[in-house]
PDB file of all heavy atoms in Angstrom:
ATOM      1  N   ASN A   1      55.649 121.233 166.517  1.00  0.00           N
ATOM      2  CA  ASN A   1      56.290 120.175 165.681  1.00  0.00           C
ATOM      3  C   ASN A   1      57.074 120.741 164.552  1.00  0.00           C
ATOM      4  O   ASN A   1      58.214 120.320 164.243  1.00  0.00           O
ATOM      5  CB  ASN A   1      55.239 119.227 165.229  1.00  0.00           C
ATOM      6  CG  ASN A   1      55.833 118.023 164.449  1.00  0.00           C
ATOM      7  OD1 ASN A   1      55.744 117.922 163.244  1.00  0.00           O
ATOM      8  ND2 ASN A   1      56.443 117.104 165.178  1.00  0.00           N
ATOM      9  N   GLU A   2      56.524 121.713 163.873  1.00  0.00           N
ATOM     10  CA  GLU A   2      57.193 122.414 162.716  1.00  0.00           C
ATOM     11  C   GLU A   2      58.510 123.069 163.210  1.00  0.00           C
ATOM     12  O   GLU A   2      59.504 123.008 162.556  1.00  0.00           O
ATOM     13  CB  GLU A   2      56.276 123.370 162.098  1.00  0.00           C
ATOM     14  CG  GLU A   2      55.060 122.717 161.376  1.00  0.00           C
ATOM     15  CD  GLU A   2      54.038 123.751 160.962  1.00  0.00           C
ATOM     16  OE1 GLU A   2      54.181 124.973 161.290  1.00  0.00           O
ATOM     17  OE2 GLU A   2      53.048 123.352 160.263  1.00  0.00           O
ATOM     18  N   ALA A   3      58.405 123.740 164.373  1.00  0.00           N
ATOM     19  CA  ALA A   3      59.551 124.463 164.902  1.00  0.00           C
ATOM     20  C   ALA A   3      60.646 123.464 165.405  1.00  0.00           C
ATOM     21  O   ALA A   3      61.884 123.740 165.175  1.00  0.00           O
ATOM     22  CB  ALA A   3      59.147 125.392 166.005  1.00  0.00           C
ATOM     23  N   TYR A   4      60.281 122.340 166.004  1.00  0.00           N
ATOM     24  CA  TYR A   4      61.243 121.348 166.419  1.00  0.00           C
ATOM     25  C   TYR A   4      61.941 120.762 165.185  1.00  0.00           C
ATOM     26  O   TYR A   4      63.184 120.550 165.183  1.00  0.00           O
ATOM     27  CB  TYR A   4      60.533 120.211 167.177  1.00  0.00           C
ATOM     28  CG  TYR A   4      60.203 120.531 168.625  1.00  0.00           C
ATOM     29  CD1 TYR A   4      58.915 120.331 169.089  1.00  0.00           C
ATOM     30  CD2 TYR A   4      61.168 120.963 169.516  1.00  0.00           C
ATOM     31  CE1 TYR A   4      58.554 120.677 170.431  1.00  0.00           C
ATOM     32  CE2 TYR A   4      60.884 121.295 170.821  1.00  0.00           C
ATOM     33  CZ  TYR A   4      59.556 121.107 171.280  1.00  0.00           C
ATOM     34  OH  TYR A   4      59.244 121.398 172.571  1.00  0.00           O
ATOM     35  N   ARG A   5      61.180 120.569 164.140  1.00  0.00           N
ATOM     36  CA  ARG A   5      61.785 120.003 162.951  1.00  0.00           C
ATOM     37  C   ARG A   5      62.815 121.009 162.341  1.00  0.00           C
ATOM     38  O   ARG A   5      63.937 120.609 161.938  1.00  0.00           O
ATOM     39  CB  ARG A   5      60.695 119.749 161.883  1.00  0.00           C
ATOM     40  CG  ARG A   5      61.230 119.091 160.563  1.00  0.00           C
ATOM     41  CD  ARG A   5      60.094 118.702 159.674  1.00  0.00           C
ATOM     42  NE  ARG A   5      59.337 119.841 159.262  1.00  0.00           N
ATOM     43  CZ  ARG A   5      58.021 119.805 159.183  1.00  0.00           C
ATOM     44  NH1 ARG A   5      57.341 118.719 159.558  1.00  0.00           N
ATOM     45  NH2 ARG A   5      57.336 120.880 158.771  1.00  0.00           N
ATOM     46  N   SER A   6      62.475 122.277 162.356  1.00  0.00           N
ATOM     47  CA  SER A   6      63.384 123.294 161.894  1.00  0.00           C
ATOM     48  C   SER A   6      64.683 123.346 162.759  1.00  0.00           C
ATOM     49  O   SER A   6      65.759 123.529 162.252  1.00  0.00           O
ATOM     50  CB  SER A   6      62.708 124.690 161.828  1.00  0.00           C
ATOM     51  OG  SER A   6      61.669 124.705 160.955  1.00  0.00           O
ATOM     52  N   SER A   7      64.487 123.201 164.081  1.00  0.00           N
ATOM     53  CA  SER A   7      65.568 123.221 164.939  1.00  0.00           C
ATOM     54  C   SER A   7      66.577 122.037 164.718  1.00  0.00           C
ATOM     55  O   SER A   7      67.762 122.181 164.729  1.00  0.00           O
ATOM     56  CB  SER A   7      65.144 123.191 166.410  1.00  0.00           C
ATOM     57  OG  SER A   7      66.167 123.096 167.356  1.00  0.00           O
ATOM     58  N   LEU A   8      65.965 120.882 164.428  1.00  0.00           N
ATOM     59  CA  LEU A   8      66.755 119.707 164.210  1.00  0.00           C
ATOM     60  C   LEU A   8      67.567 119.748 162.883  1.00  0.00           C
ATOM     61  O   LEU A   8      68.547 119.083 162.799  1.00  0.00           O
ATOM     62  CB  LEU A   8      65.895 118.438 164.248  1.00  0.00           C
ATOM     63  CG  LEU A   8      65.357 118.079 165.664  1.00  0.00           C
ATOM     64  CD1 LEU A   8      64.242 117.007 165.532  1.00  0.00           C
ATOM     65  CD2 LEU A   8      66.460 117.634 166.558  1.00  0.00           C
ATOM     66  N   ARG A   9      67.166 120.551 161.952  1.00  0.00           N
ATOM     67  CA  ARG A   9      67.943 120.802 160.798  1.00  0.00           C
ATOM     68  C   ARG A   9      69.327 121.337 161.134  1.00  0.00           C
ATOM     69  O   ARG A   9      70.307 121.098 160.469  1.00  0.00           O
ATOM     70  CB  ARG A   9      67.266 121.764 159.798  1.00  0.00           C
ATOM     71  CG  ARG A   9      66.074 121.118 159.066  1.00  0.00           C
ATOM     72  CD  ARG A   9      65.784 121.846 157.751  1.00  0.00           C
ATOM     73  NE  ARG A   9      65.739 123.298 157.922  1.00  0.00           N
ATOM     74  CZ  ARG A   9      64.616 123.992 158.065  1.00  0.00           C
ATOM     75  NH1 ARG A   9      63.435 123.300 158.152  1.00  0.00           N
ATOM     76  NH2 ARG A   9      64.654 125.315 158.179  1.00  0.00           N
ATOM     77  N   TYR A  10      69.318 122.200 162.124  1.00  0.00           N
ATOM     78  CA  TYR A  10      70.562 122.869 162.595  1.00  0.00           C
ATOM     79  C   TYR A  10      71.279 122.107 163.766  1.00  0.00           C
ATOM     80  O   TYR A  10      72.497 122.179 163.901  1.00  0.00           O
ATOM     81  CB  TYR A  10      70.278 124.302 163.015  1.00  0.00           C
ATOM     82  CG  TYR A  10      69.723 125.131 161.928  1.00  0.00           C
ATOM     83  CD1 TYR A  10      68.359 125.517 161.889  1.00  0.00           C
ATOM     84  CD2 TYR A  10      70.542 125.646 160.906  1.00  0.00           C
ATOM     85  CE1 TYR A  10      67.838 126.359 160.905  1.00  0.00           C
ATOM     86  CE2 TYR A  10      70.052 126.477 159.953  1.00  0.00           C
ATOM     87  CZ  TYR A  10      68.732 126.829 159.935  1.00  0.00           C
ATOM     88  OH  TYR A  10      68.192 127.615 158.958  1.00  0.00           O
ATOM     89  N   ARG A  11      70.434 121.410 164.545  1.00  0.00           N
ATOM     90  CA  ARG A  11      71.068 120.694 165.683  1.00  0.00           C
ATOM     91  C   ARG A  11      70.505 119.250 165.680  1.00  0.00           C
ATOM     92  O   ARG A  11      69.707 118.832 166.524  1.00  0.00           O
ATOM     93  CB  ARG A  11      70.617 121.382 167.003  1.00  0.00           C
ATOM     94  CG  ARG A  11      70.980 122.856 167.078  1.00  0.00           C
ATOM     95  CD  ARG A  11      70.361 123.512 168.304  1.00  0.00           C
ATOM     96  NE  ARG A  11      71.017 123.072 169.571  1.00  0.00           N
ATOM     97  CZ  ARG A  11      70.419 123.194 170.723  1.00  0.00           C
ATOM     98  NH1 ARG A  11      69.218 123.644 170.886  1.00  0.00           N
ATOM     99  NH2 ARG A  11      71.054 122.821 171.825  1.00  0.00           N
ATOM    100  N   PRO A  12      70.921 118.463 164.670  1.00  0.00           N
ATOM    101  CA  PRO A  12      70.373 117.096 164.554  1.00  0.00           C
ATOM    102  C   PRO A  12      70.623 116.182 165.700  1.00  0.00           C
ATOM    103  O   PRO A  12      69.918 115.162 165.887  1.00  0.00           O
ATOM    104  CB  PRO A  12      71.082 116.563 163.289  1.00  0.00           C
ATOM    105  CG  PRO A  12      72.344 117.388 163.151  1.00  0.00           C
ATOM    106  CD  PRO A  12      71.967 118.749 163.651  1.00  0.00           C
ATOM    107  N   GLY A  13      71.646 116.438 166.499  1.00  0.00           N
ATOM    108  CA  GLY A  13      71.992 115.561 167.661  1.00  0.00           C
ATOM    109  C   GLY A  13      71.287 115.993 168.942  1.00  0.00           C
ATOM    110  O   GLY A  13      71.626 115.421 170.024  1.00  0.00           O
ATOM    111  N   ASN A  14      70.443 116.937 168.938  1.00  0.00           N
ATOM    112  CA  ASN A  14      69.742 117.409 170.175  1.00  0.00           C
ATOM    113  C   ASN A  14      68.701 116.352 170.611  1.00  0.00           C
ATOM    114  O   ASN A  14      67.574 116.264 170.069  1.00  0.00           O
ATOM    115  CB  ASN A  14      69.091 118.734 169.903  1.00  0.00           C
ATOM    116  CG  ASN A  14      68.403 119.366 171.142  1.00  0.00           C
ATOM    117  OD1 ASN A  14      68.469 118.720 172.218  1.00  0.00           O
ATOM    118  ND2 ASN A  14      67.765 120.427 170.961  1.00  0.00           N
ATOM    119  N   ALA A  15      69.095 115.562 171.674  1.00  0.00           N
ATOM    120  CA  ALA A  15      68.256 114.464 172.140  1.00  0.00           C
ATOM    121  C   ALA A  15      66.825 114.995 172.553  1.00  0.00           C
ATOM    122  O   ALA A  15      65.816 114.337 172.238  1.00  0.00           O
ATOM    123  CB  ALA A  15      68.892 113.713 173.188  1.00  0.00           C
ATOM    124  N   LYS A  16      66.854 116.080 173.286  1.00  0.00           N
ATOM    125  CA  LYS A  16      65.547 116.608 173.764  1.00  0.00           C
ATOM    126  C   LYS A  16      64.724 117.108 172.579  1.00  0.00           C
ATOM    127  O   LYS A  16      63.504 116.895 172.562  1.00  0.00           O
ATOM    128  CB  LYS A  16      65.774 117.777 174.771  1.00  0.00           C
ATOM    129  CG  LYS A  16      64.526 118.311 175.337  1.00  0.00           C
ATOM    130  CD  LYS A  16      64.769 119.405 176.401  1.00  0.00           C
ATOM    131  CE  LYS A  16      63.476 119.917 176.993  1.00  0.00           C
ATOM    132  NZ  LYS A  16      63.732 120.961 177.995  1.00  0.00           N
ATOM    133  N   GLY A  17      65.374 117.693 171.605  1.00  0.00           N
ATOM    134  CA  GLY A  17      64.622 118.143 170.391  1.00  0.00           C
ATOM    135  C   GLY A  17      64.029 116.965 169.654  1.00  0.00           C
ATOM    136  O   GLY A  17      62.862 117.103 169.188  1.00  0.00           O
ATOM    137  N   ILE A  18      64.788 115.864 169.523  1.00  0.00           N
ATOM    138  CA  ILE A  18      64.235 114.690 168.850  1.00  0.00           C
ATOM    139  C   ILE A  18      62.996 114.133 169.617  1.00  0.00           C
ATOM    140  O   ILE A  18      61.968 113.850 169.030  1.00  0.00           O
ATOM    141  CB  ILE A  18      65.339 113.566 168.767  1.00  0.00           C
ATOM    142  CG1 ILE A  18      66.442 114.090 167.860  1.00  0.00           C
ATOM    143  CG2 ILE A  18      64.757 112.245 168.207  1.00  0.00           C
ATOM    144  CD1 ILE A  18      67.659 113.178 167.882  1.00  0.00           C
ATOM    145  N   TYR A  19      63.132 114.013 170.928  1.00  0.00           N
ATOM    146  CA  TYR A  19      62.033 113.459 171.763  1.00  0.00           C
ATOM    147  C   TYR A  19      60.814 114.387 171.629  1.00  0.00           C
ATOM    148  O   TYR A  19      59.698 113.916 171.408  1.00  0.00           O
ATOM    149  CB  TYR A  19      62.474 113.394 173.242  1.00  0.00           C
ATOM    150  CG  TYR A  19      61.287 113.121 174.107  1.00  0.00           C
ATOM    151  CD1 TYR A  19      60.741 111.846 174.221  1.00  0.00           C
ATOM    152  CD2 TYR A  19      60.764 114.161 174.869  1.00  0.00           C
ATOM    153  CE1 TYR A  19      59.673 111.609 175.089  1.00  0.00           C
ATOM    154  CE2 TYR A  19      59.649 113.943 175.734  1.00  0.00           C
ATOM    155  CZ  TYR A  19      59.145 112.643 175.837  1.00  0.00           C
ATOM    156  OH  TYR A  19      58.071 112.419 176.650  1.00  0.00           O
ATOM    157  N   LYS A  20      60.986 115.735 171.755  1.00  0.00           N
ATOM    158  CA  LYS A  20      59.896 116.624 171.714  1.00  0.00           C
ATOM    159  C   LYS A  20      59.257 116.711 170.282  1.00  0.00           C
ATOM    160  O   LYS A  20      58.055 117.013 170.175  1.00  0.00           O
ATOM    161  CB  LYS A  20      60.300 118.035 172.183  1.00  0.00           C
ATOM    162  CG  LYS A  20      60.735 118.087 173.627  1.00  0.00           C
ATOM    163  CD  LYS A  20      59.654 117.823 174.588  1.00  0.00           C
ATOM    164  CE  LYS A  20      58.729 118.979 174.808  1.00  0.00           C
ATOM    165  NZ  LYS A  20      59.337 120.044 175.574  1.00  0.00           N
ATOM    166  N   TYR A  21      60.078 116.504 169.287  1.00  0.00           N
ATOM    167  CA  TYR A  21      59.550 116.471 167.888  1.00  0.00           C
ATOM    168  C   TYR A  21      58.489 115.381 167.789  1.00  0.00           C
ATOM    169  O   TYR A  21      57.412 115.644 167.266  1.00  0.00           O
ATOM    170  CB  TYR A  21      60.712 116.239 166.941  1.00  0.00           C
ATOM    171  CG  TYR A  21      60.244 115.932 165.487  1.00  0.00           C
ATOM    172  CD1 TYR A  21      59.708 116.916 164.723  1.00  0.00           C
ATOM    173  CD2 TYR A  21      60.263 114.621 165.004  1.00  0.00           C
ATOM    174  CE1 TYR A  21      59.244 116.601 163.387  1.00  0.00           C
ATOM    175  CE2 TYR A  21      59.823 114.280 163.754  1.00  0.00           C
ATOM    176  CZ  TYR A  21      59.293 115.300 162.962  1.00  0.00           C
ATOM    177  OH  TYR A  21      58.857 115.004 161.668  1.00  0.00           O
ATOM    178  N   PHE A  22      58.864 114.170 168.229  1.00  0.00           N
ATOM    179  CA  PHE A  22      57.889 113.088 168.141  1.00  0.00           C
ATOM    180  C   PHE A  22      56.689 113.270 169.097  1.00  0.00           C
ATOM    181  O   PHE A  22      55.575 112.910 168.768  1.00  0.00           O
ATOM    182  CB  PHE A  22      58.603 111.745 168.365  1.00  0.00           C
ATOM    183  CG  PHE A  22      59.473 111.323 167.193  1.00  0.00           C
ATOM    184  CD1 PHE A  22      60.856 111.368 167.303  1.00  0.00           C
ATOM    185  CD2 PHE A  22      58.942 110.863 165.993  1.00  0.00           C
ATOM    186  CE1 PHE A  22      61.669 110.980 166.216  1.00  0.00           C
ATOM    187  CE2 PHE A  22      59.663 110.483 164.951  1.00  0.00           C
ATOM    188  CZ  PHE A  22      61.048 110.547 165.014  1.00  0.00           C
ATOM    189  N   ALA A  23      57.000 113.753 170.287  1.00  0.00           N
ATOM    190  CA  ALA A  23      55.913 113.984 171.253  1.00  0.00           C
ATOM    191  C   ALA A  23      54.897 114.977 170.743  1.00  0.00           C
ATOM    192  O   ALA A  23      53.665 114.772 170.873  1.00  0.00           O
ATOM    193  CB  ALA A  23      56.494 114.454 172.583  1.00  0.00           C
ATOM    194  N   SER A  24      55.430 116.070 170.145  1.00  0.00           N
ATOM    195  CA  SER A  24      54.489 117.098 169.608  1.00  0.00           C
ATOM    196  C   SER A  24      53.723 116.599 168.407  1.00  0.00           C
ATOM    197  O   SER A  24      52.589 116.916 168.169  1.00  0.00           O
ATOM    198  CB  SER A  24      55.263 118.370 169.242  1.00  0.00           C
ATOM    199  OG  SER A  24      56.256 118.083 168.274  1.00  0.00           O
ATOM    200  N   LYS A  25      54.360 115.650 167.620  1.00  0.00           N
ATOM    201  CA  LYS A  25      53.693 115.111 166.473  1.00  0.00           C
ATOM    202  C   LYS A  25      52.511 114.246 166.953  1.00  0.00           C
ATOM    203  O   LYS A  25      51.432 114.322 166.365  1.00  0.00           O
ATOM    204  CB  LYS A  25      54.657 114.259 165.711  1.00  0.00           C
ATOM    205  CG  LYS A  25      54.185 113.846 164.323  1.00  0.00           C
ATOM    206  CD  LYS A  25      55.329 113.165 163.501  1.00  0.00           C
ATOM    207  CE  LYS A  25      54.883 112.864 162.101  1.00  0.00           C
ATOM    208  NZ  LYS A  25      55.975 112.277 161.324  1.00  0.00           N
ATOM    209  N   LEU A  26      52.720 113.460 167.995  1.00  0.00           N
ATOM    210  CA  LEU A  26      51.657 112.639 168.511  1.00  0.00           C
ATOM    211  C   LEU A  26      50.496 113.484 169.090  1.00  0.00           C
ATOM    212  O   LEU A  26      49.314 113.241 168.859  1.00  0.00           O
ATOM    213  CB  LEU A  26      52.188 111.676 169.603  1.00  0.00           C
ATOM    214  CG  LEU A  26      53.071 110.523 169.095  1.00  0.00           C
ATOM    215  CD1 LEU A  26      53.673 109.808 170.279  1.00  0.00           C
ATOM    216  CD2 LEU A  26      52.261 109.580 168.251  1.00  0.00           C
ATOM    217  N   LYS A  27      50.838 114.575 169.825  1.00  0.00           N
ATOM    218  CA  LYS A  27      49.878 115.377 170.440  1.00  0.00           C
ATOM    219  C   LYS A  27      49.101 116.207 169.355  1.00  0.00           C
ATOM    220  O   LYS A  27      47.881 116.443 169.563  1.00  0.00           O
ATOM    221  CB  LYS A  27      50.535 116.350 171.461  1.00  0.00           C
ATOM    222  CG  LYS A  27      50.996 115.682 172.699  1.00  0.00           C
ATOM    223  CD  LYS A  27      51.633 116.679 173.659  1.00  0.00           C
ATOM    224  CE  LYS A  27      52.027 116.052 174.979  1.00  0.00           C
ATOM    225  NZ  LYS A  27      50.827 115.656 175.742  1.00  0.00           N
ATOM    226  N   ALA A  28      49.792 116.568 168.272  1.00  0.00           N
ATOM    227  CA  ALA A  28      49.058 117.250 167.206  1.00  0.00           C
ATOM    228  C   ALA A  28      48.028 116.413 166.575  1.00  0.00           C
ATOM    229  O   ALA A  28      47.032 116.932 166.028  1.00  0.00           O
ATOM    230  CB  ALA A  28      50.112 117.758 166.166  1.00  0.00           C
ATOM    231  N   ARG A  29      48.241 115.078 166.524  1.00  0.00           N
ATOM    232  CA  ARG A  29      47.272 114.141 165.899  1.00  0.00           C
ATOM    233  C   ARG A  29      46.045 113.979 166.826  1.00  0.00           C
ATOM    234  O   ARG A  29      45.019 113.442 166.412  1.00  0.00           O
ATOM    235  CB  ARG A  29      47.926 112.823 165.635  1.00  0.00           C
ATOM    236  CG  ARG A  29      48.900 112.898 164.478  1.00  0.00           C
ATOM    237  CD  ARG A  29      49.681 111.514 164.331  1.00  0.00           C
ATOM    238  NE  ARG A  29      50.562 111.602 163.208  1.00  0.00           N
ATOM    239  CZ  ARG A  29      51.391 110.559 162.943  1.00  0.00           C
ATOM    240  NH1 ARG A  29      51.455 109.526 163.724  1.00  0.00           N
ATOM    241  NH2 ARG A  29      52.231 110.624 161.914  1.00  0.00           N
TER     242      ARG A  29
END
């Protein structure tokens, strides 16, 4: 989740990155 967030700082329009950011956040909980 931390790495996806860092990636999105540079590639904010990456749809797969956005999806995986939220998916990893849910799994981390």
